């Protein structure tokens, strides 16, 4: 039997080589199934005999500083891993199942590489709009939205880098987890067990003379109310929501109980995004390079919605999400859907990927 430590190193290196974001170790009745999430899709890696389960799981729990003897409740931890090319933070999550503990390892790069807005996939007009949103005023609320794993964190950190290149600012980030270490940013890790939640952390940040505040995610009404208060008192606040598109973000804030006049006063704009799989150069023929999927890598698509007087009036009138979407379509707004259709037309992605990424989530 191969040494557990050697196998674990092999497994992590294999995941890095395949560009996996997560490793799933799943106990079945008579074996351990190992899968990897690559370009958003969960793919089989290999299966190991049942005997591999206990030592492999114990080793990972030990590395992640978890209670090895506790198998009845979920646990979360993590450890660092130095690969040949980069340093990783590996987050470990356990879940008790009827066949034993299921583990998921999330692979996170410790340092975010220097990026520009154009390298993320924004077109020139969108870049111009974004720069207006973050530079024309030093205050306001700017939201990034999209499903989990759509690249919102990368987008917001790139915006922060844009700000740092232009001005000397006191930038404080409140995150759960801290996915990237960013030079020049005061990053705070949320710790609910110690009483440091998004709400309590945000209140503390307001006493730190901030210029720019990044709140990793708005999860409740109290957090968004504090974020809006910060935006209305001279700070630029960046945060994220889980909504299908920009129009949905506006109505979600109303649904959370935020008064329309506060939204219209604080909200500067919304960036909505998706990640879509790119067609592999093998032209959809199975190949080892793309793990026989026909796709290799992902590309972001965006819509950038700045607030204007018409939108503010619609918010005050409590317009529905359908009414806002219809207004945007009639005004020629370049939507996510239009962007995705263009990617299909130019052969960057496929109709099948369009259906997977869009039709199952948002009305066309």
Protein backbone atom coordinates (compact mmCIF):
# COMPACT_ATOMS: atom_id res chain seq x y z
CA UNK A 1 0.00 0.00 0.00
CA UNK A 2 1.37 3.42 -0.96
CA UNK A 3 2.30 5.72 1.91
CA UNK A 4 -0.62 8.03 2.78
CA UNK A 5 1.54 11.16 2.86
CA UNK A 6 3.02 10.36 -0.55
CA UNK A 7 -0.41 9.70 -2.01
CA UNK A 8 -1.78 12.94 -0.60
CA UNK A 9 1.05 14.93 -2.20
CA UNK A 10 0.38 13.12 -5.48
CA UNK A 11 -3.34 13.91 -5.21
CA UNK A 12 -2.81 17.63 -4.58
CA UNK A 13 -0.21 17.91 -7.34
CA UNK A 14 -2.59 16.14 -9.73
CA UNK A 15 -5.34 18.59 -8.81
CA UNK A 16 -3.04 21.55 -9.44
CA UNK A 17 -1.99 20.10 -12.79
CA UNK A 18 -5.63 19.71 -13.80
CA UNK A 19 -6.49 23.26 -12.62
CA UNK A 20 -8.98 21.87 -10.10
CA UNK A 21 -10.61 24.20 -7.60
CA UNK A 22 -11.82 21.43 -5.28
CA UNK A 23 -11.07 17.81 -4.41
CA UNK A 24 -13.94 15.61 -3.19
CA UNK A 25 -13.23 12.49 -1.12
CA UNK A 26 -16.48 10.58 -0.90
CA UNK A 27 -16.94 7.35 1.10
CA UNK A 28 -19.15 4.76 -0.59
CA UNK A 29 -20.26 1.40 0.77
CA UNK A 30 -17.11 -0.44 -0.33
CA UNK A 31 -14.65 2.16 -1.64
CA UNK A 32 -13.52 5.79 -1.63
CA UNK A 33 -14.47 7.89 -4.65
CA UNK A 34 -12.24 10.85 -5.49
CA UNK A 35 -13.50 13.58 -7.81
CA UNK A 36 -12.21 17.01 -8.83
CA UNK A 37 -14.05 20.16 -9.82
CA UNK A 38 -12.44 21.46 -13.00
CA UNK A 39 -13.77 24.51 -14.85
CA UNK A 40 -16.90 24.31 -12.71
CA UNK A 41 -17.66 20.67 -13.52
CA UNK A 42 -17.21 17.73 -11.13
CA UNK A 43 -15.13 15.00 -12.82
CA UNK A 44 -14.04 11.56 -11.65
CA UNK A 45 -10.35 11.23 -10.74
CA UNK A 46 -10.08 7.73 -9.32
CA UNK A 47 -11.38 5.26 -6.76
CA UNK A 48 -9.47 3.73 -3.85
CA UNK A 49 -10.25 0.69 -1.74
CA UNK A 50 -12.25 1.09 1.45
CA UNK A 51 -9.07 0.55 3.49
CA UNK A 52 -7.71 3.89 2.24
CA UNK A 53 -10.51 5.86 3.87
CA UNK A 54 -9.59 6.06 7.58
CA UNK A 55 -5.85 6.79 7.21
CA UNK A 56 -6.35 9.33 4.40
CA UNK A 57 -9.10 11.18 6.24
CA UNK A 58 -7.18 11.11 9.53
CA UNK A 59 -4.09 12.53 7.82
CA UNK A 60 -6.07 15.37 6.27
CA UNK A 61 -7.85 16.18 9.54
CA UNK A 62 -4.51 16.24 11.33
CA UNK A 63 -3.04 18.63 8.75
CA UNK A 64 -6.14 20.85 8.98
CA UNK A 65 -5.95 20.97 12.79
CA UNK A 66 -9.31 19.24 13.20
CA UNK A 67 -10.43 16.83 15.92
CA UNK A 68 -9.48 13.42 14.51
CA UNK A 69 -11.74 11.57 16.96
CA UNK A 70 -14.84 13.64 16.18
CA UNK A 71 -16.78 12.02 13.34
CA UNK A 72 -20.35 12.97 14.29
CA UNK A 73 -20.41 16.65 13.34
CA UNK A 74 -19.06 18.75 10.44
CA UNK A 75 -15.71 20.47 10.93
CA UNK A 76 -13.78 23.12 9.03
CA UNK A 77 -10.06 23.79 8.98
CA UNK A 78 -7.14 24.21 6.63
CA UNK A 79 -3.43 23.95 5.96
CA UNK A 80 -0.77 25.39 3.68
CA UNK A 81 0.81 23.50 0.81
CA UNK A 82 3.88 24.51 -1.17
CA UNK A 83 3.72 23.29 -4.76
CA UNK A 84 6.57 23.62 -7.23
CA UNK A 85 5.16 26.79 -8.76
CA UNK A 86 3.02 28.39 -6.05
CA UNK A 87 1.89 28.40 -2.42
CA UNK A 88 -1.64 27.27 -1.67
CA UNK A 89 -4.08 27.55 1.19
CA UNK A 90 -6.14 24.36 1.32
CA UNK A 91 -9.47 24.61 3.14
CA UNK A 92 -10.82 21.32 4.49
CA UNK A 93 -14.50 20.69 5.18
CA UNK A 94 -15.83 17.45 6.69
CA UNK A 95 -19.36 16.08 6.60
CA UNK A 96 -20.53 12.88 8.35
CA UNK A 97 -22.38 10.49 5.99
CA UNK A 98 -23.80 7.00 6.46
CA UNK A 99 -20.59 5.51 5.00
CA UNK A 100 -18.13 7.73 6.86
CA UNK A 101 -16.78 11.25 6.62
CA UNK A 102 -16.89 13.07 3.29
CA UNK A 103 -14.13 15.63 2.82
CA UNK A 104 -13.87 18.53 0.40
CA UNK A 105 -10.55 20.28 -0.12
CA UNK A 106 -10.70 23.75 -1.66
CA UNK A 107 -7.45 24.88 -3.28
CA UNK A 108 -6.79 28.61 -2.99
CA UNK A 109 -3.78 30.52 -4.25
CA UNK A 110 -2.22 32.52 -1.43
CA UNK A 111 -1.41 35.51 -3.58
CA UNK A 112 -3.58 37.08 -6.26
CA UNK A 113 -1.50 37.74 -9.38
CA UNK A 114 -1.45 41.30 -10.70
CA UNK A 115 -4.33 41.70 -13.13
CA UNK A 116 -5.96 44.46 -15.11
CA UNK A 117 -9.65 44.82 -15.86
CA UNK A 118 -9.06 44.00 -19.52
CA UNK A 119 -7.45 40.67 -18.59
CA UNK A 120 -10.62 39.62 -16.75
CA UNK A 121 -12.72 39.96 -19.89
CA UNK A 122 -14.32 43.41 -19.57
CA UNK A 123 -14.71 45.19 -22.89
CA UNK A 124 -13.40 48.78 -23.32
CA UNK A 125 -16.79 50.40 -22.71
CA UNK A 126 -17.32 48.38 -19.53
CA UNK A 127 -13.83 49.32 -18.29
CA UNK A 128 -14.63 52.99 -18.88
CA UNK A 129 -17.88 52.64 -16.91
CA UNK A 130 -16.18 50.83 -14.02
CA UNK A 131 -13.44 53.44 -13.76
CA UNK A 132 -16.09 56.13 -13.63
CA UNK A 133 -17.82 54.23 -10.83
CA UNK A 134 -14.71 53.91 -8.66
CA UNK A 135 -12.93 57.17 -9.47
CA UNK A 136 -15.60 59.83 -10.13
CA UNK A 137 -16.68 59.70 -6.49
CA UNK A 138 -14.91 58.51 -3.36
CA UNK A 139 -18.18 57.29 -1.83
CA UNK A 140 -20.98 54.90 -2.64
CA UNK A 141 -21.84 51.22 -2.81
CA UNK A 142 -20.65 49.05 -5.71
CA UNK A 143 -21.87 45.45 -5.83
CA UNK A 144 -20.62 42.40 -7.71
CA UNK A 145 -23.17 39.66 -8.22
CA UNK A 146 -23.39 36.18 -9.61
CA UNK A 147 -23.58 32.53 -8.55
CA UNK A 148 -21.06 30.95 -6.20
CA UNK A 149 -17.80 30.39 -8.04
CA UNK A 150 -18.44 33.00 -10.72
CA UNK A 151 -15.28 35.01 -9.99
CA UNK A 152 -16.73 37.84 -7.91
CA UNK A 153 -13.84 37.84 -5.43
CA UNK A 154 -11.27 38.08 -8.22
CA UNK A 155 -13.19 40.95 -9.81
CA UNK A 156 -13.43 42.94 -6.58
CA UNK A 157 -9.76 42.43 -5.71
CA UNK A 158 -8.86 43.62 -9.21
CA UNK A 159 -10.94 46.76 -8.59
CA UNK A 160 -9.03 47.27 -5.35
CA UNK A 161 -5.74 46.96 -7.25
CA UNK A 162 -6.99 49.61 -9.71
CA UNK A 163 -7.72 51.95 -6.80
CA UNK A 164 -4.32 51.32 -5.18
CA UNK A 165 -2.51 52.13 -8.41
CA UNK A 166 -4.17 55.55 -8.54
CA UNK A 167 -4.38 56.72 -4.94
CA UNK A 168 -2.99 56.19 -1.45
CA UNK A 169 -5.97 54.78 0.43
CA UNK A 170 -6.77 53.05 3.70
CA UNK A 171 -8.37 49.88 2.33
CA UNK A 172 -9.87 47.33 4.72
CA UNK A 173 -11.32 43.99 3.62
CA UNK A 174 -13.62 41.83 5.75
CA UNK A 175 -13.71 38.34 4.27
CA UNK A 176 -14.89 34.79 4.94
CA UNK A 177 -12.54 33.25 4.06
CA UNK A 178 -9.59 35.43 3.07
CA UNK A 179 -9.04 33.82 -0.34
CA UNK A 180 -6.05 35.90 -1.49
CA UNK A 181 -3.39 37.88 0.32
CA UNK A 182 -3.28 41.34 -1.26
CA UNK A 183 -0.40 43.72 -0.60
CA UNK A 184 -1.46 47.08 0.79
CA UNK A 185 -4.88 45.87 1.97
CA UNK A 186 -5.77 45.35 5.64
CA UNK A 187 -7.49 41.97 5.45
CA UNK A 188 -9.68 40.72 8.29
CA UNK A 189 -10.87 37.11 8.61
CA UNK A 190 -14.44 36.70 9.87
CA UNK A 191 -14.54 34.50 12.99
CA UNK A 192 -18.11 33.95 14.23
CA UNK A 193 -16.96 31.66 17.08
CA UNK A 194 -15.00 34.59 18.51
CA UNK A 195 -17.85 37.02 17.86
CA UNK A 196 -16.32 38.59 14.75
CA UNK A 197 -19.14 38.49 12.21
CA UNK A 198 -19.62 40.59 9.09
CA UNK A 199 -21.84 42.90 11.13
CA UNK A 200 -19.54 43.36 14.14
CA UNK A 201 -16.47 43.53 11.90
CA UNK A 202 -18.01 46.20 9.71
CA UNK A 203 -18.89 48.31 12.73
CA UNK A 204 -15.29 48.07 13.93
CA UNK A 205 -13.92 48.96 10.48
CA UNK A 206 -15.93 52.20 10.49
CA UNK A 207 -13.84 53.30 13.49
CA UNK A 208 -10.59 52.68 11.56
CA UNK A 209 -10.79 55.77 9.31
CA UNK A 210 -11.30 53.71 6.11
CA UNK A 211 -11.39 55.11 2.59
CA UNK A 212 -12.39 51.85 0.89
CA UNK A 213 -14.20 48.94 2.54
CA UNK A 214 -14.61 45.50 1.03
CA UNK A 215 -17.25 43.31 2.66
CA UNK A 216 -16.85 39.78 1.30
CA UNK A 217 -20.56 39.09 1.14
CA UNK A 218 -23.80 40.77 2.15
CA UNK A 219 -25.80 38.05 3.88
CA UNK A 220 -28.45 39.88 5.89
CA UNK A 221 -30.31 43.14 6.28
CA UNK A 222 -28.18 44.42 9.15
CA UNK A 223 -24.96 44.06 7.16
CA UNK A 224 -26.34 45.85 4.11
CA UNK A 225 -27.72 48.66 6.30
CA UNK A 226 -24.28 49.26 7.83
CA UNK A 227 -22.66 49.07 4.38
CA UNK A 228 -25.11 51.68 3.07
CA UNK A 229 -24.49 53.91 6.07
CA UNK A 230 -20.76 53.69 5.38
CA UNK A 231 -21.34 54.53 1.72
CA UNK A 232 -23.46 57.54 2.66
CA UNK A 233 -20.79 58.89 5.00
CA UNK A 234 -18.00 59.20 2.46
CA UNK A 235 -16.61 55.68 1.98
CA UNK A 236 -16.44 53.56 -1.12
CA UNK A 237 -17.92 50.18 -0.19
CA UNK A 238 -17.44 47.09 -2.35
CA UNK A 239 -19.37 43.89 -1.72
CA UNK A 240 -21.11 40.94 -3.34
CA UNK A 241 -24.53 39.31 -3.52
CA UNK A 242 -25.83 36.06 -4.95
CA UNK A 243 -28.35 37.21 -7.57
CA UNK A 244 -28.76 36.19 -11.23
CA UNK A 245 -28.13 39.61 -12.78
CA UNK A 246 -27.86 43.33 -12.11
CA UNK A 247 -31.62 43.91 -12.13
CA UNK A 248 -32.07 41.11 -9.61
CA UNK A 249 -29.58 42.79 -7.30
CA UNK A 250 -31.67 45.94 -7.11
CA UNK A 251 -34.87 44.11 -6.25
CA UNK A 252 -33.06 41.82 -3.79
CA UNK A 253 -32.05 44.85 -1.73
CA UNK A 254 -35.69 45.93 -1.62
CA UNK A 255 -36.76 42.40 -0.65
CA UNK A 256 -34.24 42.49 2.21
CA UNK A 257 -36.20 45.39 3.66
CA UNK A 258 -33.97 48.27 2.58
CA UNK A 259 -35.91 51.46 1.95
CA UNK A 260 -35.81 52.52 -1.73
CA UNK A 261 -34.54 56.02 -0.88
CA UNK A 262 -31.47 54.49 0.82
CA UNK A 263 -30.75 52.32 -2.22
CA UNK A 264 -31.03 55.23 -4.64
CA UNK A 265 -28.81 57.39 -2.41
CA UNK A 266 -26.02 54.85 -1.86
CA UNK A 267 -25.88 52.42 -4.79
CA UNK A 268 -23.51 53.52 -7.56
CA UNK A 269 -23.62 50.44 -9.74
CA UNK A 270 -23.73 46.66 -10.13
CA UNK A 271 -21.34 44.28 -11.90
CA UNK A 272 -22.97 40.93 -12.74
CA UNK A 273 -20.91 38.04 -14.02
CA UNK A 274 -20.67 34.37 -15.00
CA UNK A 275 -17.84 32.01 -15.83
CA UNK A 276 -18.29 29.95 -18.99
CA UNK A 277 -16.17 27.09 -20.27
CA UNK A 278 -14.09 27.73 -23.38
CA UNK A 279 -14.00 25.25 -26.24
CA UNK A 280 -10.77 23.24 -26.25
CA UNK A 281 -8.49 23.50 -29.27
CA UNK A 282 -9.17 19.82 -29.91
CA UNK A 283 -12.44 21.05 -31.50
CA UNK A 284 -14.64 18.96 -29.22
CA UNK A 285 -12.87 15.67 -30.02
CA UNK A 286 -11.97 13.85 -26.78
CA UNK A 287 -8.39 14.56 -25.74
CA UNK A 288 -6.30 14.15 -22.57
CA UNK A 289 -5.57 17.90 -22.55
CA UNK A 290 -9.18 18.78 -21.69
CA UNK A 291 -9.94 15.62 -19.69
CA UNK A 292 -12.16 14.41 -22.55
CA UNK A 293 -14.65 17.21 -21.87
CA UNK A 294 -14.22 19.29 -25.04
CA UNK A 295 -13.56 22.40 -22.91
CA UNK A 296 -10.39 23.90 -21.49
CA UNK A 297 -10.38 26.87 -19.13
CA UNK A 298 -13.08 29.40 -18.41
CA UNK A 299 -13.84 32.93 -19.49
CA UNK A 300 -15.84 35.58 -17.66
CA UNK A 301 -18.81 37.41 -19.10
CA UNK A 302 -20.09 40.60 -17.52
CA UNK A 303 -22.78 43.23 -17.45
CA UNK A 304 -21.97 46.57 -15.85
CA UNK A 305 -24.93 48.65 -14.72
CA UNK A 306 -24.34 52.22 -13.48
CA UNK A 307 -27.20 53.88 -11.68
CA UNK A 308 -29.02 56.70 -13.48
CA UNK A 309 -32.09 58.84 -12.83
CA UNK A 310 -34.48 56.47 -14.62
CA UNK A 311 -33.32 53.48 -12.57
CA UNK A 312 -33.54 55.48 -9.36
CA UNK A 313 -37.12 56.42 -10.18
CA UNK A 314 -37.97 52.77 -10.88
CA UNK A 315 -36.52 51.82 -7.50
CA UNK A 316 -38.58 54.52 -5.78
CA UNK A 317 -41.64 53.14 -7.59
CA UNK A 318 -40.75 49.61 -6.37
CA UNK A 319 -40.68 48.27 -9.92
CA UNK A 320 -40.45 44.49 -10.33
CA UNK A 321 -37.35 42.72 -11.59
CA UNK A 322 -39.15 41.99 -14.89
CA UNK A 323 -39.98 45.68 -15.34
CA UNK A 324 -36.36 46.67 -14.70
CA UNK A 325 -35.06 44.01 -17.10
CA UNK A 326 -37.50 45.15 -19.79
CA UNK A 327 -36.41 48.76 -19.29
CA UNK A 328 -32.74 47.80 -19.63
CA UNK A 329 -33.41 45.75 -22.76
CA UNK A 330 -35.38 48.57 -24.38
CA UNK A 331 -32.62 51.07 -23.56
CA UNK A 332 -29.97 48.96 -25.34
CA UNK A 333 -28.20 47.73 -22.22
CA UNK A 334 -25.46 45.18 -23.02
CA UNK A 335 -26.63 42.30 -20.85
CA UNK A 336 -25.06 39.05 -19.71
CA UNK A 337 -27.33 37.19 -22.11
CA UNK A 338 -26.17 39.28 -25.08
CA UNK A 339 -22.54 38.79 -24.05
CA UNK A 340 -22.97 35.03 -23.78
CA UNK A 341 -24.73 34.77 -27.14
CA UNK A 342 -21.79 36.61 -28.71
CA UNK A 343 -19.38 34.06 -27.21
CA UNK A 344 -21.42 31.27 -28.81
CA UNK A 345 -21.56 33.07 -32.15
CA UNK A 346 -17.79 33.52 -32.26
CA UNK A 347 -17.09 29.91 -31.27
CA UNK A 348 -15.52 30.67 -27.90
CA UNK A 349 -18.11 28.46 -26.24
CA UNK A 350 -21.02 26.24 -27.30
CA UNK A 351 -24.79 26.30 -27.32
CA UNK A 352 -24.72 23.49 -24.75
CA UNK A 353 -22.58 25.63 -22.44
CA UNK A 354 -24.96 28.55 -23.00
CA UNK A 355 -27.84 26.37 -21.83
CA UNK A 356 -25.89 25.12 -18.83
CA UNK A 357 -24.66 28.54 -17.74
CA UNK A 358 -27.73 30.61 -18.46
CA UNK A 359 -31.06 28.97 -19.18
CA UNK A 360 -31.07 26.96 -15.95
CA UNK A 361 -30.48 30.08 -13.85
CA UNK A 362 -32.07 33.14 -15.42
CA UNK A 363 -34.90 33.73 -17.79
CA UNK A 364 -33.50 34.43 -21.24
